[in-house]
Protein backbone atom coordinates (compact mmCIF):
# COMPACT_ATOMS: atom_id res chain seq x y z
CA MET A 1 11.86 2.12 -10.87
CA GLU A 2 13.48 0.24 -8.04
CA ILE A 3 13.14 -0.37 -4.36
CA GLN A 4 16.37 -0.10 -2.38
CA PRO A 5 16.65 -1.81 0.99
CA ASP A 6 17.55 0.53 3.85
CA SER A 7 16.11 1.89 7.08
CA GLN A 8 14.11 4.22 4.88
CA GLN A 9 12.76 2.54 1.77
CA LEU A 10 13.50 4.35 -1.49
CA LEU A 11 11.12 3.89 -4.39
CA ARG A 12 12.00 5.56 -7.67
CA LEU A 13 8.83 6.34 -9.56
CA PRO A 14 8.85 5.48 -13.27
CA ALA A 15 8.82 7.99 -16.11
CA ASP A 16 5.17 7.27 -16.89
CA CYS A 17 2.92 8.14 -13.96
CA SER A 18 -0.08 8.86 -16.14
CA ILE A 19 -3.27 6.82 -16.15
CA GLY A 20 -1.62 4.38 -18.57
CA GLY A 21 1.12 3.39 -16.14
CA ILE A 22 -0.35 4.17 -12.75
CA ARG A 23 -1.44 0.60 -11.90
CA LEU A 24 2.18 -0.55 -11.74
CA VAL A 25 3.08 2.43 -9.54
CA TYR A 26 0.10 1.66 -7.29
CA ASP A 27 1.20 -1.96 -6.87
CA LEU A 28 4.78 -0.94 -6.02
CA ILE A 29 3.67 1.65 -3.47
CA CYS A 30 1.23 -0.78 -1.82
CA LYS A 31 3.94 -3.41 -1.52
CA ALA A 32 6.43 -0.92 -0.09
CA LEU A 33 3.93 0.52 2.43
CA SER A 34 3.03 -2.94 3.67
CA VAL A 35 6.61 -3.67 4.76
CA GLN A 36 8.13 -0.25 5.43
CA GLN A 37 7.32 2.45 7.98
CA LYS A 38 9.29 5.16 6.20
CA LEU A 39 8.96 5.42 2.44
CA GLU A 40 10.77 7.93 0.25
CA LEU A 41 9.36 8.43 -3.24
CA ASP A 42 11.98 9.68 -5.69
CA CYS A 43 10.01 11.59 -8.34
CA SER A 44 12.98 12.75 -10.43
CA ALA A 45 12.31 10.45 -13.40
CA VAL A 46 8.62 11.31 -13.82
CA ASP A 47 8.17 12.84 -17.26
CA LYS A 48 4.52 11.97 -17.81
CA ALA A 49 1.95 12.66 -15.10
CA ASP A 50 -1.72 13.51 -14.83
CA VAL A 51 -4.38 13.72 -12.16
CA SER A 52 -4.19 9.96 -11.55
CA ALA A 53 -0.63 10.41 -10.22
CA VAL A 54 -1.78 13.24 -7.97
CA GLN A 55 -4.68 11.13 -6.67
CA LEU A 56 -2.36 8.21 -5.98
CA LEU A 57 0.11 10.39 -4.06
CA LEU A 58 -2.67 11.92 -1.96
CA SER A 59 -4.10 8.46 -1.27
CA THR A 60 -0.63 7.19 -0.38
CA ALA A 61 -0.23 9.98 2.16
CA LYS A 62 -3.61 9.24 3.72
CA THR A 63 -2.95 5.50 3.85
CA ALA A 64 0.50 6.03 5.38
CA ARG A 65 -0.99 8.26 8.10
CA HIS A 66 -3.64 5.63 8.82
CA LEU A 67 -0.94 2.94 9.17
CA GLY A 68 1.28 5.19 11.28
CA ASN A 69 3.87 5.32 8.50
CA ARG A 70 5.69 8.26 6.92
CA VAL A 71 6.00 9.05 3.24
CA SER A 72 8.22 11.71 1.73
CA LEU A 73 8.74 12.99 -1.79
CA THR A 74 12.14 13.89 -3.17
CA ALA A 75 13.27 15.46 -6.42
CA VAL A 76 9.78 16.21 -7.70
CA SER A 77 10.05 16.69 -11.46
CA GLU A 78 8.65 19.78 -13.15
CA VAL A 79 6.11 17.59 -14.96
CA LEU A 80 4.76 16.23 -11.68
CA ARG A 81 4.78 19.71 -10.09
CA SER A 82 2.72 20.93 -13.02
CA ALA A 83 0.21 18.08 -12.66
CA ILE A 84 -0.14 18.87 -8.95
CA ALA A 85 -0.74 22.55 -9.72
CA ARG A 86 -3.27 21.77 -12.48
CA ALA A 87 -5.16 19.52 -10.06
CA GLY A 88 -5.49 22.47 -7.67
CA VAL A 89 -3.96 20.59 -4.77
CA SER A 90 -2.81 22.86 -1.97
CA SER A 91 0.78 22.81 -0.86
CA ARG A 92 -0.46 21.74 2.56
CA SER A 93 -1.83 18.52 1.10
CA MET A 94 1.09 17.92 -1.25
CA PRO A 95 4.09 20.02 -0.27
CA ASP A 96 6.82 21.09 -2.61
CA SER A 97 10.01 19.19 -2.09
CA HIS A 98 13.64 19.56 -2.98
CA SER A 99 16.12 17.07 -4.31
CA ALA A 100 18.40 17.33 -1.30
CA GLN A 101 15.72 17.55 1.38
CA PRO A 102 12.64 15.29 1.28
CA ALA A 103 9.33 16.95 2.04
CA GLU A 104 7.03 14.87 4.15
CA ILE A 105 3.47 14.45 2.93
CA LYS A 106 1.20 15.49 5.79
């Protein structure tokens, strides 16, 4: 997991986005949102996810909107897609995304 400086901040999420590792992810996202107006979350490495990851991503989207920022997801792993589906989150709240084209969280 790393933050890369650029006009759009890139944050690679760690492999463990389950309840056991979500606090670290939360801290990284909060730090990035506080200094960046556009944040891209690379979800390609996520191989462990549960409803806590889904809740954090939904909360991140809401917080970003409140701050006037934009958050996008790229390369959403199958594990994370599955967690989103199991949580019953609509695609409108948490859109599908593609590795080449980030999907903005609205």
